[in-house]
Amino acid sequence: ELLHAEPPVYLVHNFLQPGHCHALQQAALSGQLPTAAYNDAVLFDYHKLSYLGIVVAVGAAAQALLSWHHGADVSSVLQSAAAAAAVWSGIAGVLAVAVKTAVVVYTNGRCFTGSKWSTEQLQPGNPTAEAVEAFVDNICKLLGTQPCRLEVPLVTR
């Protein structure tokens, strides 16, 4: 099943047993697998945009203090802070979209938002190594090739 045209991403149902999928996911998320670098691309980490929340909080707090300084009652101060938070949230959202768009344009679309981990250093007998072996066996059957012709499998998010 084609999930994405460019780059091509396919879903092969029942390609791995659920236990193998779980072992690969857990190994990546728990830090058992080393992070692999993206070659000739930019990794765009959306989680770092969460720091824009500080801008929203400071903007709302500044408006609240300004209202309080001018003698507003508590209800008016809270309304003022909520309105400022809405405005600053909009500004942060526009800024986040602008930054991502600029990165995509600058890199000619070579902007990735996920993470990937290498399976190269897995030791035999590890449940994750068994999952990788099952993956390699299945891909070799699917493509009609030998394991020595494949690159090291990566786990991606």
C-alpha atoms as a PDB file:
ATOM      1  CA  GLU A   1       0.000   0.000   0.000  1.00  0.00           C
ATOM      2  CA  LEU A   2       1.501   3.356  -1.085  1.00  0.00           C
ATOM      3  CA  LEU A   3       1.453   5.809   1.837  1.00  0.00           C
ATOM      4  CA  HIS A   4       3.489   8.639   0.330  1.00  0.00           C
ATOM      5  CA  ALA A   5       4.584   9.268  -3.248  1.00  0.00           C
ATOM      6  CA  GLU A   6       7.724  11.398  -2.786  1.00  0.00           C
ATOM      7  CA  PRO A   7       9.755  10.016  -1.262  1.00  0.00           C
ATOM      8  CA  PRO A   8       8.039   6.674  -1.860  1.00  0.00           C
ATOM      9  CA  VAL A   9       6.803   5.077   1.363  1.00  0.00           C
ATOM     10  CA  TYR A  10       4.978   1.758   1.299  1.00  0.00           C
ATOM     11  CA  LEU A  11       3.126  -0.196   3.966  1.00  0.00           C
ATOM     12  CA  VAL A  12       3.394  -3.970   3.705  1.00  0.00           C
ATOM     13  CA  HIS A  13       0.734  -5.501   5.953  1.00  0.00           C
ATOM     14  CA  ASN A  14       1.901  -8.353   8.223  1.00  0.00           C
ATOM     15  CA  PHE A  15       5.511  -7.848   7.126  1.00  0.00           C
ATOM     16  CA  LEU A  16       6.724  -8.412  10.704  1.00  0.00           C
ATOM     17  CA  GLN A  17       5.129 -10.097  13.681  1.00  0.00           C
ATOM     18  CA  PRO A  18       3.732  -7.631  16.258  1.00  0.00           C
ATOM     19  CA  GLY A  19       6.387  -8.731  18.778  1.00  0.00           C
ATOM     20  CA  HIS A  20       9.158  -7.859  16.343  1.00  0.00           C
ATOM     21  CA  CYS A  21       7.640  -4.428  15.696  1.00  0.00           C
ATOM     22  CA  HIS A  22       7.337  -3.813  19.426  1.00  0.00           C
ATOM     23  CA  ALA A  23      10.963  -4.887  20.042  1.00  0.00           C
ATOM     24  CA  LEU A  24      12.223  -2.466  17.378  1.00  0.00           C
ATOM     25  CA  GLN A  25      10.116   0.413  18.702  1.00  0.00           C
ATOM     26  CA  GLN A  26      11.145  -0.154  22.304  1.00  0.00           C
ATOM     27  CA  ALA A  27      14.835  -0.465  21.439  1.00  0.00           C
ATOM     28  CA  ALA A  28      14.740   2.852  19.586  1.00  0.00           C
ATOM     29  CA  LEU A  29      12.700   4.741  22.171  1.00  0.00           C
ATOM     30  CA  SER A  30      14.630   3.402  25.172  1.00  0.00           C
ATOM     31  CA  GLY A  31      18.014   4.424  23.769  1.00  0.00           C
ATOM     32  CA  GLN A  32      19.305   0.891  23.026  1.00  0.00           C
ATOM     33  CA  LEU A  33      19.970   1.899  19.407  1.00  0.00           C
ATOM     34  CA  PRO A  34      22.333   4.736  18.441  1.00  0.00           C
ATOM     35  CA  THR A  35      20.861   7.685  16.570  1.00  0.00           C
ATOM     36  CA  ALA A  36      21.717   7.733  12.873  1.00  0.00           C
ATOM     37  CA  ALA A  37      22.478  11.007  11.105  1.00  0.00           C
ATOM     38  CA  TYR A  38      20.546  12.262   8.108  1.00  0.00           C
ATOM     39  CA  ASN A  39      22.969  12.681   5.213  1.00  0.00           C
ATOM     40  CA  ASP A  40      22.670  15.793   3.046  1.00  0.00           C
ATOM     41  CA  ALA A  41      19.491  16.890   4.798  1.00  0.00           C
ATOM     42  CA  VAL A  42      18.245  19.091   7.595  1.00  0.00           C
ATOM     43  CA  LEU A  43      16.620  17.576  10.645  1.00  0.00           C
ATOM     44  CA  PHE A  44      13.774  19.828  11.738  1.00  0.00           C
ATOM     45  CA  ASP A  45      12.859  19.075  15.352  1.00  0.00           C
ATOM     46  CA  TYR A  46       9.340  20.375  16.006  1.00  0.00           C
ATOM     47  CA  HIS A  47       9.765  19.761  19.735  1.00  0.00           C
ATOM     48  CA  LYS A  48      12.189  22.668  19.917  1.00  0.00           C
ATOM     49  CA  LEU A  49       9.434  24.978  18.715  1.00  0.00           C
ATOM     50  CA  SER A  50       7.733  24.364  22.063  1.00  0.00           C
ATOM     51  CA  TYR A  51      10.077  27.029  23.436  1.00  0.00           C
ATOM     52  CA  LEU A  52       7.849  29.529  21.644  1.00  0.00           C
ATOM     53  CA  GLY A  53       5.470  28.831  24.532  1.00  0.00           C
ATOM     54  CA  ILE A  54       7.778  30.965  26.668  1.00  0.00           C
ATOM     55  CA  VAL A  55       7.140  33.882  24.288  1.00  0.00           C
ATOM     56  CA  VAL A  56       3.393  33.366  24.733  1.00  0.00           C
ATOM     57  CA  ALA A  57       3.683  33.219  28.530  1.00  0.00           C
ATOM     58  CA  VAL A  58       5.922  36.293  28.734  1.00  0.00           C
ATOM     59  CA  GLY A  59       3.615  38.248  26.407  1.00  0.00           C
ATOM     60  CA  ALA A  60       0.561  37.353  28.484  1.00  0.00           C
ATOM     61  CA  ALA A  61       2.345  38.100  31.771  1.00  0.00           C
ATOM     62  CA  ALA A  62       3.596  41.443  30.491  1.00  0.00           C
ATOM     63  CA  GLN A  63       0.075  42.449  29.449  1.00  0.00           C
ATOM     64  CA  ALA A  64      -1.310  41.327  32.806  1.00  0.00           C
ATOM     65  CA  LEU A  65       1.291  43.368  34.696  1.00  0.00           C
ATOM     66  CA  LEU A  66       0.636  46.389  32.514  1.00  0.00           C
ATOM     67  CA  SER A  67      -3.110  46.138  33.180  1.00  0.00           C
ATOM     68  CA  TRP A  68      -2.506  45.682  36.917  1.00  0.00           C
ATOM     69  CA  HIS A  69      -0.133  48.669  36.935  1.00  0.00           C
ATOM     70  CA  HIS A  70      -2.870  50.842  35.396  1.00  0.00           C
ATOM     71  CA  GLY A  71      -5.287  49.901  38.175  1.00  0.00           C
ATOM     72  CA  ALA A  72      -7.404  47.216  36.501  1.00  0.00           C
ATOM     73  CA  ASP A  73      -9.320  44.806  38.727  1.00  0.00           C
ATOM     74  CA  VAL A  74      -8.412  41.100  38.836  1.00  0.00           C
ATOM     75  CA  SER A  75     -11.081  40.111  36.309  1.00  0.00           C
ATOM     76  CA  SER A  76      -9.862  42.701  33.807  1.00  0.00           C
ATOM     77  CA  VAL A  77      -6.245  41.677  34.360  1.00  0.00           C
ATOM     78  CA  LEU A  78      -7.139  38.031  33.633  1.00  0.00           C
ATOM     79  CA  GLN A  79      -9.126  38.977  30.522  1.00  0.00           C
ATOM     80  CA  SER A  80      -6.237  41.101  29.319  1.00  0.00           C
ATOM     81  CA  ALA A  81      -3.767  38.255  29.905  1.00  0.00           C
ATOM     82  CA  ALA A  82      -6.025  35.767  28.064  1.00  0.00           C
ATOM     83  CA  ALA A  83      -6.372  38.091  25.079  1.00  0.00           C
ATOM     84  CA  ALA A  84      -2.601  38.651  25.005  1.00  0.00           C
ATOM     85  CA  ALA A  85      -1.992  34.887  25.210  1.00  0.00           C
ATOM     86  CA  ALA A  86      -4.291  34.375  22.213  1.00  0.00           C
ATOM     87  CA  VAL A  87      -2.477  37.054  20.207  1.00  0.00           C
ATOM     88  CA  TRP A  88       0.984  35.740  21.142  1.00  0.00           C
ATOM     89  CA  SER A  89      -0.110  32.165  20.372  1.00  0.00           C
ATOM     90  CA  GLY A  90      -1.111  33.289  16.901  1.00  0.00           C
ATOM     91  CA  ILE A  91       2.205  35.075  16.425  1.00  0.00           C
ATOM     92  CA  ALA A  92       4.129  31.994  17.620  1.00  0.00           C
ATOM     93  CA  GLY A  93       2.108  29.779  15.254  1.00  0.00           C
ATOM     94  CA  VAL A  94       2.797  32.024  12.275  1.00  0.00           C
ATOM     95  CA  LEU A  95       6.481  32.152  13.228  1.00  0.00           C
ATOM     96  CA  ALA A  96       6.678  28.347  13.490  1.00  0.00           C
ATOM     97  CA  VAL A  97       5.078  27.890  10.056  1.00  0.00           C
ATOM     98  CA  ALA A  98       7.343  30.554   8.560  1.00  0.00           C
ATOM     99  CA  VAL A  99      10.479  28.910   9.973  1.00  0.00           C
ATOM    100  CA  LYS A 100       9.515  25.449   8.720  1.00  0.00           C
ATOM    101  CA  THR A 101       8.562  26.802   5.293  1.00  0.00           C
ATOM    102  CA  ALA A 102      11.864  28.692   5.045  1.00  0.00           C
ATOM    103  CA  VAL A 103      13.831  25.557   5.983  1.00  0.00           C
ATOM    104  CA  VAL A 104      11.980  23.435   3.410  1.00  0.00           C
ATOM    105  CA  VAL A 105      12.520  26.046   0.688  1.00  0.00           C
ATOM    106  CA  TYR A 106      16.178  26.604   1.623  1.00  0.00           C
ATOM    107  CA  THR A 107      16.939  22.852   1.595  1.00  0.00           C
ATOM    108  CA  ASN A 108      14.927  22.150  -1.570  1.00  0.00           C
ATOM    109  CA  GLY A 109      12.629  19.847   0.387  1.00  0.00           C
ATOM    110  CA  ARG A 110      15.389  17.896   2.140  1.00  0.00           C
ATOM    111  CA  CYS A 111      13.877  18.612   5.528  1.00  0.00           C
ATOM    112  CA  PHE A 112      13.082  15.700   7.817  1.00  0.00           C
ATOM    113  CA  THR A 113      11.066  15.855  11.008  1.00  0.00           C
ATOM    114  CA  GLY A 114      11.594  12.412  12.479  1.00  0.00           C
ATOM    115  CA  SER A 115      14.380  10.471  14.086  1.00  0.00           C
ATOM    116  CA  LYS A 116      16.155   7.365  12.931  1.00  0.00           C
ATOM    117  CA  TRP A 117      18.225   4.791  14.743  1.00  0.00           C
ATOM    118  CA  SER A 118      20.815   2.316  13.459  1.00  0.00           C
ATOM    119  CA  THR A 119      20.567  -1.436  14.090  1.00  0.00           C
ATOM    120  CA  GLU A 120      24.224  -1.986  13.168  1.00  0.00           C
ATOM    121  CA  GLN A 121      25.543  -2.595  16.700  1.00  0.00           C
ATOM    122  CA  LEU A 122      22.955  -5.136  17.876  1.00  0.00           C
ATOM    123  CA  GLN A 123      24.338  -8.309  19.412  1.00  0.00           C
ATOM    124  CA  PRO A 124      22.941 -11.742  18.438  1.00  0.00           C
ATOM    125  CA  GLY A 125      20.403 -13.136  20.886  1.00  0.00           C
ATOM    126  CA  ASN A 126      18.914  -9.725  21.634  1.00  0.00           C
ATOM    127  CA  PRO A 127      15.128  -9.675  20.874  1.00  0.00           C
ATOM    128  CA  THR A 128      15.711  -6.589  18.741  1.00  0.00           C
ATOM    129  CA  ALA A 129      18.423  -8.401  16.761  1.00  0.00           C
ATOM    130  CA  GLU A 130      15.919 -11.188  16.110  1.00  0.00           C
ATOM    131  CA  ALA A 131      13.426  -8.605  14.848  1.00  0.00           C
ATOM    132  CA  VAL A 132      16.055  -7.100  12.529  1.00  0.00           C
ATOM    133  CA  GLU A 133      16.935 -10.573  11.255  1.00  0.00           C
ATOM    134  CA  ALA A 134      13.239 -11.230  10.512  1.00  0.00           C
ATOM    135  CA  PHE A 135      13.035  -7.876   8.736  1.00  0.00           C
ATOM    136  CA  VAL A 136      16.109  -8.629   6.591  1.00  0.00           C
ATOM    137  CA  ASP A 137      14.806 -12.125   5.767  1.00  0.00           C
ATOM    138  CA  ASN A 138      11.430 -10.712   4.702  1.00  0.00           C
ATOM    139  CA  ILE A 139      12.917  -7.901   2.624  1.00  0.00           C
ATOM    140  CA  CYS A 140      15.241 -10.366   0.877  1.00  0.00           C
ATOM    141  CA  LYS A 141      12.266 -12.580   0.015  1.00  0.00           C
ATOM    142  CA  LEU A 142      10.261  -9.569  -1.176  1.00  0.00           C
ATOM    143  CA  LEU A 143      13.073  -8.204  -3.358  1.00  0.00           C
ATOM    144  CA  GLY A 144      14.677 -11.492  -4.317  1.00  0.00           C
ATOM    145  CA  THR A 145      18.118 -10.483  -3.066  1.00  0.00           C
ATOM    146  CA  GLN A 146      20.773 -11.476  -0.524  1.00  0.00           C
ATOM    147  CA  PRO A 147      21.371  -9.757   2.854  1.00  0.00           C
ATOM    148  CA  CYS A 148      24.877  -8.699   1.784  1.00  0.00           C
ATOM    149  CA  ARG A 149      23.316  -6.429  -0.851  1.00  0.00           C
ATOM    150  CA  LEU A 150      21.328  -4.422   1.722  1.00  0.00           C
ATOM    151  CA  GLU A 151      22.342  -1.455   3.823  1.00  0.00           C
ATOM    152  CA  VAL A 152      22.063  -1.630   7.609  1.00  0.00           C
ATOM    153  CA  PRO A 153      18.360  -1.362   8.545  1.00  0.00           C
ATOM    154  CA  LEU A 154      17.249   1.802  10.289  1.00  0.00           C
ATOM    155  CA  VAL A 155      14.336   2.294  12.651  1.00  0.00           C
ATOM    156  CA  THR A 156      12.511   5.538  11.944  1.00  0.00           C
ATOM    157  CA  ARG A 157       9.834   7.557  13.655  1.00  0.00           C
END
